[in-house]
Amino acid sequence: MSLRRVVVVLLGLLLAVPFGVSHAKRMNFATIGTGGVTGVYYPTGGAISRMVNKKSDKYHLRLTVESTAGSVYNINAVISGQLEFGIAQSDRQYQAWCGLKEWKGRPQKKLRSIFSIHPEAVTLVASVKSGIKSVPDLKGKRVNLGNPGSGHLANARDVLKAFGIDEKRDIKAEYAKAVEAPQLLQDERIDAFFYTVGHPNGNIKEATSGRVKVRIVPIEGPPVEKLLQKYPYYAKAIIPVKFYPMAANKKDVPTIGVKATFVTSADVPEEWVYAIVKEVFDNFEEFKKLHPAYSTLTKKDMLKGLSAPLHPGAIKYYKETGLIKYVDPRLLDPNKGMPCP
């Protein structure tokens, strides 16, 4: 063997061995975009990252959490590659996937869903004195729908429309901010108000703890079933009465809501997504202890309210565990997802 060939072979071995070792042990880093540090999104991202980081040697992946402006920012950052993962409301996921609202005319086809998290329930609170026990009972009443531009105003309008209630003709609509509504109810200046929020919530506690006796009104029935079919980002939700002991309700209250959802991009590696899904679902009871809002969560619930196609890493885990039966088949096709208007 010539001296030149010996040198080439030795050099190749020297380069190949360290590269092979470092490649096998290389740690990957990814970031989860959440929301404000005082909200639910931030600790949720922290819990997910801790679960995965406990086994970082196994997955060769370490997660970090970033406090962000929330849903719209997270989706845009995931699509652009600034973030690998993000938490976003289910209606925002739908709008991004379909090219609506902030993404009008620009459907985000690289967006991928992983799972849903806690529900943010459409909450209807009414004074007992008003006699409002169901959505149709709102007719002729003074109802706060929410301030212009707010998410709960849009949700309230969806509910009213589903039940055939005209906002201008059938009720006396008010448009105050959610933080003002409990006092308006206690001052008897309104009969009821809508608020889309995760539970327990301080505003609802305030509303149910005053001089005026109030109840949380169920939002259910055939009109709701049609609403769920029309808008895939809505899902059924339950408001536990244990959170509001001074309310007139004796049983948990059925309603609907949007969901906080965990999203990523089609560009993110399958093994990273698989690791996250496996750790969250394999340690489900631990995850549920994170926040009271998660107390009613089920694994089946976490596969509802999604619009963008599921990431292959998530599909792999759901197939392995049999959870795939709870997934809408349209979410399995990367070119399909939920239908857009």
C-alpha atoms as a PDB file:
ATOM      1  CA  MET A   1       0.000   0.000   0.000  1.00  0.00           C
ATOM      2  CA  SER A   2       1.394   3.407  -0.955  1.00  0.00           C
ATOM      3  CA  LEU A   3       2.200   5.992   1.694  1.00  0.00           C
ATOM      4  CA  ARG A   4      -0.434   8.288   0.207  1.00  0.00           C
ATOM      5  CA  ARG A   5      -3.120   5.626   0.492  1.00  0.00           C
ATOM      6  CA  VAL A   6      -2.114   4.861   4.106  1.00  0.00           C
ATOM      7  CA  VAL A   7      -2.420   8.557   4.979  1.00  0.00           C
ATOM      8  CA  VAL A   8      -5.835   8.789   3.296  1.00  0.00           C
ATOM      9  CA  VAL A   9      -7.128   5.700   5.132  1.00  0.00           C
ATOM     10  CA  LEU A  10      -5.828   6.870   8.521  1.00  0.00           C
ATOM     11  CA  LEU A  11      -7.235  10.342   7.979  1.00  0.00           C
ATOM     12  CA  GLY A  12     -10.583   8.849   7.037  1.00  0.00           C
ATOM     13  CA  LEU A  13     -10.639   6.758  10.222  1.00  0.00           C
ATOM     14  CA  LEU A  14      -9.721   9.727  12.388  1.00  0.00           C
ATOM     15  CA  LEU A  15     -12.500  11.810  10.896  1.00  0.00           C
ATOM     16  CA  ALA A  16     -15.115   9.070  10.762  1.00  0.00           C
ATOM     17  CA  VAL A  17     -14.877   7.791  14.332  1.00  0.00           C
ATOM     18  CA  PRO A  18     -15.319  11.092  16.181  1.00  0.00           C
ATOM     19  CA  PHE A  19     -18.028  12.140  13.755  1.00  0.00           C
ATOM     20  CA  GLY A  20     -19.900   8.881  14.262  1.00  0.00           C
ATOM     21  CA  VAL A  21     -19.696   9.169  18.049  1.00  0.00           C
ATOM     22  CA  SER A  22     -20.696  12.816  18.158  1.00  0.00           C
ATOM     23  CA  HIS A  23     -23.545  12.232  15.723  1.00  0.00           C
ATOM     24  CA  ALA A  24     -24.916   9.404  17.853  1.00  0.00           C
ATOM     25  CA  LYS A  25     -24.798  11.466  21.033  1.00  0.00           C
ATOM     26  CA  ARG A  26     -25.636  14.852  19.555  1.00  0.00           C
ATOM     27  CA  MET A  27     -28.243  16.725  21.585  1.00  0.00           C
ATOM     28  CA  ASN A  28     -30.976  18.513  19.664  1.00  0.00           C
ATOM     29  CA  PHE A  29     -32.708  21.602  21.014  1.00  0.00           C
ATOM     30  CA  ALA A  30     -36.245  22.807  20.348  1.00  0.00           C
ATOM     31  CA  THR A  31     -38.413  25.598  21.738  1.00  0.00           C
ATOM     32  CA  ILE A  32     -42.100  25.714  22.700  1.00  0.00           C
ATOM     33  CA  GLY A  33     -43.874  29.041  22.209  1.00  0.00           C
ATOM     34  CA  THR A  34     -46.464  29.620  24.934  1.00  0.00           C
ATOM     35  CA  GLY A  35     -48.057  32.859  26.184  1.00  0.00           C
ATOM     36  CA  GLY A  36     -47.773  35.250  29.120  1.00  0.00           C
ATOM     37  CA  VAL A  37     -46.004  33.929  32.217  1.00  0.00           C
ATOM     38  CA  THR A  38     -49.165  34.351  34.325  1.00  0.00           C
ATOM     39  CA  GLY A  39     -51.394  32.376  31.959  1.00  0.00           C
ATOM     40  CA  VAL A  40     -51.994  28.650  31.518  1.00  0.00           C
ATOM     41  CA  TYR A  41     -49.994  28.277  28.287  1.00  0.00           C
ATOM     42  CA  TYR A  42     -46.635  29.011  29.907  1.00  0.00           C
ATOM     43  CA  PRO A  43     -46.787  26.378  32.684  1.00  0.00           C
ATOM     44  CA  THR A  44     -48.213  23.917  30.160  1.00  0.00           C
ATOM     45  CA  GLY A  45     -45.168  24.353  27.953  1.00  0.00           C
ATOM     46  CA  GLY A  46     -42.966  24.015  31.029  1.00  0.00           C
ATOM     47  CA  ALA A  47     -44.598  20.750  32.051  1.00  0.00           C
ATOM     48  CA  ILE A  48     -44.230  19.263  28.574  1.00  0.00           C
ATOM     49  CA  SER A  49     -40.577  20.277  28.412  1.00  0.00           C
ATOM     50  CA  ARG A  50     -39.823  18.771  31.827  1.00  0.00           C
ATOM     51  CA  MET A  51     -41.386  15.461  30.841  1.00  0.00           C
ATOM     52  CA  VAL A  52     -39.232  15.175  27.731  1.00  0.00           C
ATOM     53  CA  ASN A  53     -36.070  16.570  29.322  1.00  0.00           C
ATOM     54  CA  LYS A  54     -36.167  13.870  32.010  1.00  0.00           C
ATOM     55  CA  LYS A  55     -35.347  11.451  29.186  1.00  0.00           C
ATOM     56  CA  SER A  56     -33.212  13.737  27.067  1.00  0.00           C
ATOM     57  CA  ASP A  57     -30.480  11.075  26.857  1.00  0.00           C
ATOM     58  CA  LYS A  58     -32.996   8.665  25.357  1.00  0.00           C
ATOM     59  CA  TYR A  59     -34.490  11.084  22.856  1.00  0.00           C
ATOM     60  CA  HIS A  60     -31.401  13.262  22.279  1.00  0.00           C
ATOM     61  CA  LEU A  61     -33.753  16.205  22.630  1.00  0.00           C
ATOM     62  CA  ARG A  62     -33.999  19.078  25.074  1.00  0.00           C
ATOM     63  CA  LEU A  63     -36.945  21.452  25.104  1.00  0.00           C
ATOM     64  CA  THR A  64     -37.000  25.062  26.252  1.00  0.00           C
ATOM     65  CA  VAL A  65     -40.000  27.333  26.792  1.00  0.00           C
ATOM     66  CA  GLU A  66     -40.477  30.860  25.479  1.00  0.00           C
ATOM     67  CA  SER A  67     -43.075  33.334  26.747  1.00  0.00           C
ATOM     68  CA  THR A  68     -44.748  34.868  23.688  1.00  0.00           C
ATOM     69  CA  ALA A  69     -47.691  37.007  22.613  1.00  0.00           C
ATOM     70  CA  GLY A  70     -49.784  33.855  22.173  1.00  0.00           C
ATOM     71  CA  SER A  71     -51.611  31.994  19.413  1.00  0.00           C
ATOM     72  CA  VAL A  72     -51.024  34.112  16.303  1.00  0.00           C
ATOM     73  CA  TYR A  73     -47.359  34.711  17.115  1.00  0.00           C
ATOM     74  CA  ASN A  74     -46.782  31.032  17.899  1.00  0.00           C
ATOM     75  CA  ILE A  75     -48.322  29.828  14.651  1.00  0.00           C
ATOM     76  CA  ASN A  76     -46.358  32.312  12.565  1.00  0.00           C
ATOM     77  CA  ALA A  77     -43.113  31.482  14.391  1.00  0.00           C
ATOM     78  CA  VAL A  78     -43.634  27.738  13.952  1.00  0.00           C
ATOM     79  CA  ILE A  79     -44.271  28.140  10.229  1.00  0.00           C
ATOM     80  CA  SER A  80     -41.203  30.383   9.785  1.00  0.00           C
ATOM     81  CA  GLY A  81     -38.967  28.021  11.763  1.00  0.00           C
ATOM     82  CA  GLN A  82     -38.324  30.448  14.646  1.00  0.00           C
ATOM     83  CA  LEU A  83     -40.070  27.988  16.965  1.00  0.00           C
ATOM     84  CA  GLU A  84     -40.418  24.240  16.653  1.00  0.00           C
ATOM     85  CA  PHE A  85     -43.613  23.980  18.726  1.00  0.00           C
ATOM     86  CA  GLY A  86     -46.338  26.325  19.894  1.00  0.00           C
ATOM     87  CA  ILE A  87     -49.628  26.503  21.786  1.00  0.00           C
ATOM     88  CA  ALA A  88     -52.564  28.092  19.970  1.00  0.00           C
ATOM     89  CA  GLN A  89     -56.333  28.312  20.339  1.00  0.00           C
ATOM     90  CA  SER A  90     -58.192  25.846  18.134  1.00  0.00           C
ATOM     91  CA  ASP A  91     -60.066  28.588  16.269  1.00  0.00           C
ATOM     92  CA  ARG A  92     -56.728  30.248  15.434  1.00  0.00           C
ATOM     93  CA  GLN A  93     -55.356  26.914  14.218  1.00  0.00           C
ATOM     94  CA  TYR A  94     -58.358  26.544  11.928  1.00  0.00           C
ATOM     95  CA  GLN A  95     -58.043  30.090  10.602  1.00  0.00           C
ATOM     96  CA  ALA A  96     -54.332  29.655   9.857  1.00  0.00           C
ATOM     97  CA  TRP A  97     -54.872  26.302   8.132  1.00  0.00           C
ATOM     98  CA  CYS A  98     -57.706  27.696   5.993  1.00  0.00           C
ATOM     99  CA  GLY A  99     -56.212  31.117   5.299  1.00  0.00           C
ATOM    100  CA  LEU A 100     -58.731  33.214   7.249  1.00  0.00           C
ATOM    101  CA  LYS A 101     -58.517  36.315   9.478  1.00  0.00           C
ATOM    102  CA  GLU A 102     -54.830  37.300   9.913  1.00  0.00           C
ATOM    103  CA  TRP A 103     -53.900  34.692   7.290  1.00  0.00           C
ATOM    104  CA  LYS A 104     -56.568  35.721   4.782  1.00  0.00           C
ATOM    105  CA  GLY A 105     -55.664  34.316   1.383  1.00  0.00           C
ATOM    106  CA  ARG A 106     -52.524  32.651   2.780  1.00  0.00           C
ATOM    107  CA  PRO A 107     -53.461  29.165   4.045  1.00  0.00           C
ATOM    108  CA  GLN A 108     -50.647  27.779   6.194  1.00  0.00           C
ATOM    109  CA  LYS A 109     -50.278  24.320   4.684  1.00  0.00           C
ATOM    110  CA  LYS A 110     -47.092  23.495   6.605  1.00  0.00           C
ATOM    111  CA  LEU A 111     -48.987  23.725   9.907  1.00  0.00           C
ATOM    112  CA  ARG A 112     -49.415  20.411  11.735  1.00  0.00           C
ATOM    113  CA  SER A 113     -51.439  19.579  14.834  1.00  0.00           C
ATOM    114  CA  ILE A 114     -50.237  17.288  17.622  1.00  0.00           C
ATOM    115  CA  PHE A 115     -52.957  17.266  20.310  1.00  0.00           C
ATOM    116  CA  SER A 116     -55.463  19.465  22.120  1.00  0.00           C
ATOM    117  CA  ILE A 117     -55.047  20.560  25.712  1.00  0.00           C
ATOM    118  CA  HIS A 118     -57.514  22.324  27.993  1.00  0.00           C
ATOM    119  CA  PRO A 119     -60.901  23.642  26.914  1.00  0.00           C
ATOM    120  CA  GLU A 120     -61.644  27.344  27.052  1.00  0.00           C
ATOM    121  CA  ALA A 121     -65.360  27.117  27.670  1.00  0.00           C
ATOM    122  CA  VAL A 122     -68.057  29.397  26.322  1.00  0.00           C
ATOM    123  CA  THR A 123     -69.512  30.353  29.693  1.00  0.00           C
ATOM    124  CA  LEU A 124     -72.995  31.841  30.056  1.00  0.00           C
ATOM    125  CA  VAL A 125     -73.715  33.308  33.505  1.00  0.00           C
ATOM    126  CA  ALA A 126     -77.186  34.598  34.446  1.00  0.00           C
ATOM    127  CA  SER A 127     -78.957  35.859  37.532  1.00  0.00           C
ATOM    128  CA  VAL A 128     -81.414  33.398  39.043  1.00  0.00           C
ATOM    129  CA  LYS A 129     -83.947  36.229  39.214  1.00  0.00           C
ATOM    130  CA  SER A 130     -83.893  36.567  35.411  1.00  0.00           C
ATOM    131  CA  GLY A 131     -85.271  33.051  34.986  1.00  0.00           C
ATOM    132  CA  ILE A 132     -82.664  32.198  32.369  1.00  0.00           C
ATOM    133  CA  LYS A 133     -82.038  28.443  32.461  1.00  0.00           C
ATOM    134  CA  SER A 134     -81.206  27.815  28.796  1.00  0.00           C
ATOM    135  CA  VAL A 135     -80.011  29.752  25.770  1.00  0.00           C
ATOM    136  CA  PRO A 136     -83.544  30.309  24.347  1.00  0.00           C
ATOM    137  CA  ASP A 137     -84.456  32.007  27.639  1.00  0.00           C
ATOM    138  CA  LEU A 138     -82.144  34.896  26.683  1.00  0.00           C
ATOM    139  CA  LYS A 139     -84.844  36.360  24.442  1.00  0.00           C
ATOM    140  CA  GLY A 140     -85.946  39.740  25.725  1.00  0.00           C
ATOM    141  CA  LYS A 141     -83.116  39.902  28.283  1.00  0.00           C
ATOM    142  CA  ARG A 142     -80.160  42.239  28.781  1.00  0.00           C
ATOM    143  CA  VAL A 143     -77.105  40.218  27.747  1.00  0.00           C
ATOM    144  CA  ASN A 144     -73.450  41.236  27.639  1.00  0.00           C
ATOM    145  CA  LEU A 145     -71.821  39.587  24.622  1.00  0.00           C
ATOM    146  CA  GLY A 146     -68.309  40.987  25.047  1.00  0.00           C
ATOM    147  CA  ASN A 147     -66.288  43.913  23.759  1.00  0.00           C
ATOM    148  CA  PRO A 148     -65.752  44.409  20.003  1.00  0.00           C
ATOM    149  CA  GLY A 149     -62.769  42.436  18.725  1.00  0.00           C
ATOM    150  CA  SER A 150     -62.840  39.947  21.586  1.00  0.00           C
ATOM    151  CA  GLY A 151     -62.912  36.207  21.076  1.00  0.00           C
ATOM    152  CA  HIS A 152     -65.884  35.714  23.370  1.00  0.00           C
ATOM    153  CA  LEU A 153     -68.002  38.177  21.356  1.00  0.00           C
ATOM    154  CA  ALA A 154     -67.484  35.989  18.290  1.00  0.00           C
ATOM    155  CA  ASN A 155     -68.264  32.859  20.321  1.00  0.00           C
ATOM    156  CA  ALA A 156     -71.412  34.433  21.822  1.00  0.00           C
ATOM    157  CA  ARG A 157     -72.639  35.378  18.352  1.00  0.00           C
ATOM    158  CA  ASP A 158     -72.059  31.831  17.120  1.00  0.00           C
ATOM    159  CA  VAL A 159     -74.162  30.447  19.987  1.00  0.00           C
ATOM    160  CA  LEU A 160     -76.982  32.945  19.475  1.00  0.00           C
ATOM    161  CA  LYS A 161     -77.063  32.263  15.753  1.00  0.00           C
ATOM    162  CA  ALA A 162     -77.122  28.503  16.336  1.00  0.00           C
ATOM    163  CA  PHE A 163     -80.238  28.908  18.479  1.00  0.00           C
ATOM    164  CA  GLY A 164     -81.907  31.284  16.029  1.00  0.00           C
ATOM    165  CA  ILE A 165     -81.615  34.321  18.290  1.00  0.00           C
ATOM    166  CA  ASP A 166     -81.175  37.670  16.534  1.00  0.00           C
ATOM    167  CA  GLU A 167     -78.614  39.823  18.327  1.00  0.00           C
ATOM    168  CA  LYS A 168     -80.364  43.093  17.440  1.00  0.00           C
ATOM    169  CA  ARG A 169     -83.997  42.043  17.538  1.00  0.00           C
ATOM    170  CA  ASP A 170     -84.349  39.322  20.192  1.00  0.00           C
ATOM    171  CA  ILE A 171     -82.106  40.538  23.034  1.00  0.00           C
ATOM    172  CA  LYS A 172     -80.856  43.791  24.534  1.00  0.00           C
ATOM    173  CA  ALA A 173     -77.188  43.372  23.761  1.00  0.00           C
ATOM    174  CA  GLU A 174     -74.374  45.020  25.695  1.00  0.00           C
ATOM    175  CA  TYR A 175     -70.715  45.051  24.633  1.00  0.00           C
ATOM    176  CA  ALA A 176     -68.731  45.614  27.832  1.00  0.00           C
ATOM    177  CA  LYS A 177     -65.383  43.988  28.556  1.00  0.00           C
ATOM    178  CA  ALA A 178     -65.398  40.640  30.323  1.00  0.00           C
ATOM    179  CA  VAL A 179     -63.802  42.088  33.455  1.00  0.00           C
ATOM    180  CA  GLU A 180     -66.738  44.500  33.809  1.00  0.00           C
ATOM    181  CA  ALA A 181     -69.489  41.915  33.370  1.00  0.00           C
ATOM    182  CA  PRO A 182     -69.558  40.388  36.890  1.00  0.00           C
ATOM    183  CA  GLN A 183     -70.171  43.779  38.505  1.00  0.00           C
ATOM    184  CA  LEU A 184     -72.795  44.692  35.910  1.00  0.00           C
ATOM    185  CA  LEU A 185     -74.606  41.464  36.779  1.00  0.00           C
ATOM    186  CA  GLN A 186     -74.362  42.082  40.511  1.00  0.00           C
ATOM    187  CA  ASP A 187     -75.612  45.666  40.007  1.00  0.00           C
ATOM    188  CA  GLU A 188     -78.579  44.176  38.073  1.00  0.00           C
ATOM    189  CA  ARG A 189     -77.736  46.260  35.016  1.00  0.00           C
ATOM    190  CA  ILE A 190     -77.613  43.085  32.903  1.00  0.00           C
ATOM    191  CA  ASP A 191     -79.333  39.719  33.221  1.00  0.00           C
ATOM    192  CA  ALA A 192     -76.573  37.555  31.786  1.00  0.00           C
ATOM    193  CA  PHE A 193     -73.159  37.579  30.146  1.00  0.00           C
ATOM    194  CA  PHE A 194     -70.981  35.392  27.926  1.00  0.00           C
ATOM    195  CA  TYR A 195     -67.292  34.799  28.599  1.00  0.00           C
ATOM    196  CA  THR A 196     -64.984  32.285  26.893  1.00  0.00           C
ATOM    197  CA  VAL A 197     -62.391  31.191  29.434  1.00  0.00           C
ATOM    198  CA  GLY A 198     -60.625  28.280  31.096  1.00  0.00           C
ATOM    199  CA  HIS A 199     -61.879  27.228  34.529  1.00  0.00           C
ATOM    200  CA  PRO A 200     -61.548  28.000  37.377  1.00  0.00           C
ATOM    201  CA  ASN A 201     -61.608  31.713  36.600  1.00  0.00           C
ATOM    202  CA  GLY A 202     -61.520  34.743  38.868  1.00  0.00           C
ATOM    203  CA  ASN A 203     -64.192  36.707  36.978  1.00  0.00           C
ATOM    204  CA  ILE A 204     -66.674  33.847  37.197  1.00  0.00           C
ATOM    205  CA  LYS A 205     -65.881  33.435  40.902  1.00  0.00           C
ATOM    206  CA  GLU A 206     -66.625  37.132  41.381  1.00  0.00           C
ATOM    207  CA  ALA A 207     -69.909  36.831  39.508  1.00  0.00           C
ATOM    208  CA  THR A 208     -71.082  33.833  41.535  1.00  0.00           C
ATOM    209  CA  SER A 209     -70.028  35.179  44.945  1.00  0.00           C
ATOM    210  CA  GLY A 210     -72.020  38.400  45.227  1.00  0.00           C
ATOM    211  CA  ARG A 211     -75.371  39.509  46.601  1.00  0.00           C
ATOM    212  CA  VAL A 212     -77.278  38.504  43.464  1.00  0.00           C
ATOM    213  CA  LYS A 213     -77.667  34.750  43.172  1.00  0.00           C
ATOM    214  CA  VAL A 214     -76.497  33.438  39.782  1.00  0.00           C
ATOM    215  CA  ARG A 215     -76.314  30.228  37.785  1.00  0.00           C
ATOM    216  CA  ILE A 216     -74.090  29.017  34.987  1.00  0.00           C
ATOM    217  CA  VAL A 217     -76.390  28.219  32.070  1.00  0.00           C
ATOM    218  CA  PRO A 218     -75.923  25.020  30.010  1.00  0.00           C
ATOM    219  CA  ILE A 219     -75.218  25.425  26.309  1.00  0.00           C
ATOM    220  CA  GLU A 220     -76.417  22.153  24.808  1.00  0.00           C
ATOM    221  CA  GLY A 221     -78.951  20.515  22.508  1.00  0.00           C
ATOM    222  CA  PRO A 222     -79.426  19.932  18.759  1.00  0.00           C
ATOM    223  CA  PRO A 223     -78.390  23.505  17.796  1.00  0.00           C
ATOM    224  CA  VAL A 224     -75.052  22.890  19.516  1.00  0.00           C
ATOM    225  CA  GLU A 225     -74.561  19.606  17.646  1.00  0.00           C
ATOM    226  CA  LYS A 226     -75.023  21.455  14.351  1.00  0.00           C
ATOM    227  CA  LEU A 227     -72.598  24.158  15.490  1.00  0.00           C
ATOM    228  CA  LEU A 228     -69.961  21.522  16.246  1.00  0.00           C
ATOM    229  CA  GLN A 229     -70.378  20.065  12.773  1.00  0.00           C
ATOM    230  CA  LYS A 230     -70.088  23.483  11.133  1.00  0.00           C
ATOM    231  CA  TYR A 231     -67.013  24.704  13.028  1.00  0.00           C
ATOM    232  CA  PRO A 232     -64.424  21.978  13.697  1.00  0.00           C
ATOM    233  CA  TYR A 233     -62.497  24.180  16.143  1.00  0.00           C
ATOM    234  CA  TYR A 234     -65.338  23.966  18.658  1.00  0.00           C
ATOM    235  CA  ALA A 235     -65.607  20.997  21.007  1.00  0.00           C
ATOM    236  CA  LYS A 236     -67.829  20.000  23.904  1.00  0.00           C
ATOM    237  CA  ALA A 237     -66.715  21.102  27.358  1.00  0.00           C
ATOM    238  CA  ILE A 238     -67.763  20.742  30.974  1.00  0.00           C
ATOM    239  CA  ILE A 239     -67.649  23.448  33.652  1.00  0.00           C
ATOM    240  CA  PRO A 240     -67.155  21.757  37.072  1.00  0.00           C
ATOM    241  CA  VAL A 241     -69.465  23.294  39.692  1.00  0.00           C
ATOM    242  CA  LYS A 242     -66.903  22.550  42.421  1.00  0.00           C
ATOM    243  CA  PHE A 243     -65.001  25.589  41.181  1.00  0.00           C
ATOM    244  CA  TYR A 244     -67.976  27.841  41.981  1.00  0.00           C
ATOM    245  CA  PRO A 245     -69.594  26.643  45.219  1.00  0.00           C
ATOM    246  CA  MET A 246     -71.804  29.728  45.559  1.00  0.00           C
ATOM    247  CA  ALA A 247     -73.447  29.292  42.159  1.00  0.00           C
ATOM    248  CA  ALA A 248     -77.016  27.948  42.060  1.00  0.00           C
ATOM    249  CA  ASN A 249     -75.921  24.931  40.004  1.00  0.00           C
ATOM    250  CA  LYS A 250     -75.987  21.500  41.605  1.00  0.00           C
ATOM    251  CA  LYS A 251     -74.358  19.597  38.730  1.00  0.00           C
ATOM    252  CA  ASP A 252     -71.493  20.181  36.313  1.00  0.00           C
ATOM    253  CA  VAL A 253     -72.515  22.379  33.386  1.00  0.00           C
ATOM    254  CA  PRO A 254     -72.263  21.167  29.773  1.00  0.00           C
ATOM    255  CA  THR A 255     -71.194  23.697  27.153  1.00  0.00           C
ATOM    256  CA  ILE A 256     -68.864  24.104  24.197  1.00  0.00           C
ATOM    257  CA  GLY A 257     -65.564  25.835  23.789  1.00  0.00           C
ATOM    258  CA  VAL A 258     -62.431  26.296  21.824  1.00  0.00           C
ATOM    259  CA  LYS A 259     -59.327  24.451  22.920  1.00  0.00           C
ATOM    260  CA  ALA A 260     -55.722  25.211  23.527  1.00  0.00           C
ATOM    261  CA  THR A 261     -53.871  23.093  20.958  1.00  0.00           C
ATOM    262  CA  PHE A 262     -50.263  22.006  20.543  1.00  0.00           C
ATOM    263  CA  VAL A 263     -48.944  22.629  17.023  1.00  0.00           C
ATOM    264  CA  THR A 264     -45.788  22.273  14.971  1.00  0.00           C
ATOM    265  CA  SER A 265     -44.540  22.395  11.384  1.00  0.00           C
ATOM    266  CA  ALA A 266     -44.297  19.658   8.774  1.00  0.00           C
ATOM    267  CA  ASP A 267     -40.533  20.349   8.800  1.00  0.00           C
ATOM    268  CA  VAL A 268     -40.022  19.208  12.420  1.00  0.00           C
ATOM    269  CA  PRO A 269     -38.552  15.671  12.704  1.00  0.00           C
ATOM    270  CA  GLU A 270     -40.937  12.807  13.362  1.00  0.00           C
ATOM    271  CA  GLU A 271     -38.910  11.492  16.311  1.00  0.00           C
ATOM    272  CA  TRP A 272     -39.152  14.821  18.170  1.00  0.00           C
ATOM    273  CA  VAL A 273     -42.935  14.919  17.930  1.00  0.00           C
ATOM    274  CA  TYR A 274     -43.203  11.246  18.849  1.00  0.00           C
ATOM    275  CA  ALA A 275     -41.115  11.828  21.995  1.00  0.00           C
ATOM    276  CA  ILE A 276     -43.379  14.642  23.169  1.00  0.00           C
ATOM    277  CA  VAL A 277     -46.635  12.774  22.514  1.00  0.00           C
ATOM    278  CA  LYS A 278     -45.325   9.622  24.191  1.00  0.00           C
ATOM    279  CA  GLU A 279     -44.194  11.421  27.346  1.00  0.00           C
ATOM    280  CA  VAL A 280     -47.428  13.416  27.727  1.00  0.00           C
ATOM    281  CA  PHE A 281     -49.757  10.465  27.106  1.00  0.00           C
ATOM    282  CA  ASP A 282     -47.688   7.860  28.956  1.00  0.00           C
ATOM    283  CA  ASN A 283     -47.649  10.213  31.971  1.00  0.00           C
ATOM    284  CA  PHE A 284     -51.203  11.442  31.535  1.00  0.00           C
ATOM    285  CA  GLU A 285     -52.229  11.534  35.210  1.00  0.00           C
ATOM    286  CA  GLU A 286     -49.128  13.543  36.064  1.00  0.00           C
ATOM    287  CA  PHE A 287     -49.928  15.952  33.247  1.00  0.00           C
ATOM    288  CA  LYS A 288     -53.519  16.421  34.493  1.00  0.00           C
ATOM    289  CA  LYS A 289     -52.245  17.590  37.884  1.00  0.00           C
ATOM    290  CA  LEU A 290     -50.587  20.599  36.257  1.00  0.00           C
ATOM    291  CA  HIS A 291     -53.649  22.862  36.474  1.00  0.00           C
ATOM    292  CA  PRO A 292     -57.256  22.592  37.740  1.00  0.00           C
ATOM    293  CA  ALA A 293     -58.396  23.326  34.157  1.00  0.00           C
ATOM    294  CA  TYR A 294     -57.067  19.874  33.207  1.00  0.00           C
ATOM    295  CA  SER A 295     -59.011  17.941  35.835  1.00  0.00           C
ATOM    296  CA  THR A 296     -61.711  16.773  33.393  1.00  0.00           C
ATOM    297  CA  LEU A 297     -59.337  15.973  30.525  1.00  0.00           C
ATOM    298  CA  THR A 298     -59.404  12.568  28.874  1.00  0.00           C
ATOM    299  CA  LYS A 299     -57.058  11.212  26.223  1.00  0.00           C
ATOM    300  CA  LYS A 300     -59.995  11.157  23.816  1.00  0.00           C
ATOM    301  CA  ASP A 301     -60.619  14.871  24.511  1.00  0.00           C
ATOM    302  CA  MET A 302     -57.046  15.654  23.507  1.00  0.00           C
ATOM    303  CA  LEU A 303     -57.706  14.451  19.974  1.00  0.00           C
ATOM    304  CA  LYS A 304     -60.691  16.756  19.390  1.00  0.00           C
ATOM    305  CA  GLY A 305     -60.844  20.344  18.156  1.00  0.00           C
ATOM    306  CA  LEU A 306     -57.952  19.953  15.697  1.00  0.00           C
ATOM    307  CA  SER A 307     -57.966  21.310  12.130  1.00  0.00           C
ATOM    308  CA  ALA A 308     -54.494  21.027  10.605  1.00  0.00           C
ATOM    309  CA  PRO A 309     -53.353  17.493   9.661  1.00  0.00           C
ATOM    310  CA  LEU A 310     -51.664  15.505  12.403  1.00  0.00           C
ATOM    311  CA  HIS A 311     -47.880  15.354  12.327  1.00  0.00           C
ATOM    312  CA  PRO A 312     -46.537  11.871  11.385  1.00  0.00           C
ATOM    313  CA  GLY A 313     -44.819  11.601  14.783  1.00  0.00           C
ATOM    314  CA  ALA A 314     -48.175  11.978  16.525  1.00  0.00           C
ATOM    315  CA  ILE A 315     -49.881   9.544  14.156  1.00  0.00           C
ATOM    316  CA  LYS A 316     -47.215   6.936  14.926  1.00  0.00           C
ATOM    317  CA  TYR A 317     -47.928   7.056  18.672  1.00  0.00           C
ATOM    318  CA  TYR A 318     -51.717   7.095  18.280  1.00  0.00           C
ATOM    319  CA  LYS A 319     -51.543   4.026  16.045  1.00  0.00           C
ATOM    320  CA  GLU A 320     -49.314   2.177  18.525  1.00  0.00           C
ATOM    321  CA  THR A 321     -51.694   2.829  21.424  1.00  0.00           C
ATOM    322  CA  GLY A 322     -55.029   2.428  19.656  1.00  0.00           C
ATOM    323  CA  LEU A 323     -55.942   6.095  20.184  1.00  0.00           C
ATOM    324  CA  ILE A 324     -56.083   6.504  16.419  1.00  0.00           C
ATOM    325  CA  LYS A 325     -59.743   5.405  16.545  1.00  0.00           C
ATOM    326  CA  TYR A 326     -60.591   8.742  18.174  1.00  0.00           C
ATOM    327  CA  VAL A 327     -58.920  10.765  15.410  1.00  0.00           C
ATOM    328  CA  ASP A 328     -60.952  12.258  12.581  1.00  0.00           C
ATOM    329  CA  PRO A 329     -59.687  10.388   9.467  1.00  0.00           C
ATOM    330  CA  ARG A 330     -59.317  13.668   7.593  1.00  0.00           C
ATOM    331  CA  LEU A 331     -56.497  14.637   9.947  1.00  0.00           C
ATOM    332  CA  LEU A 332     -54.427  11.680   8.759  1.00  0.00           C
ATOM    333  CA  ASP A 333     -54.048  13.066   5.224  1.00  0.00           C
ATOM    334  CA  PRO A 334     -51.314  15.752   5.039  1.00  0.00           C
ATOM    335  CA  ASN A 335     -53.056  17.316   2.040  1.00  0.00           C
ATOM    336  CA  LYS A 336     -56.499  17.340   3.573  1.00  0.00           C
ATOM    337  CA  GLY A 337     -57.068  18.339   7.200  1.00  0.00           C
ATOM    338  CA  MET A 338     -60.474  19.666   8.191  1.00  0.00           C
ATOM    339  CA  PRO A 339     -62.525  21.207   5.362  1.00  0.00           C
ATOM    340  CA  CYS A 340     -62.386  24.964   4.926  1.00  0.00           C
ATOM    341  CA  PRO A 341     -65.248  27.292   4.011  1.00  0.00           C
END
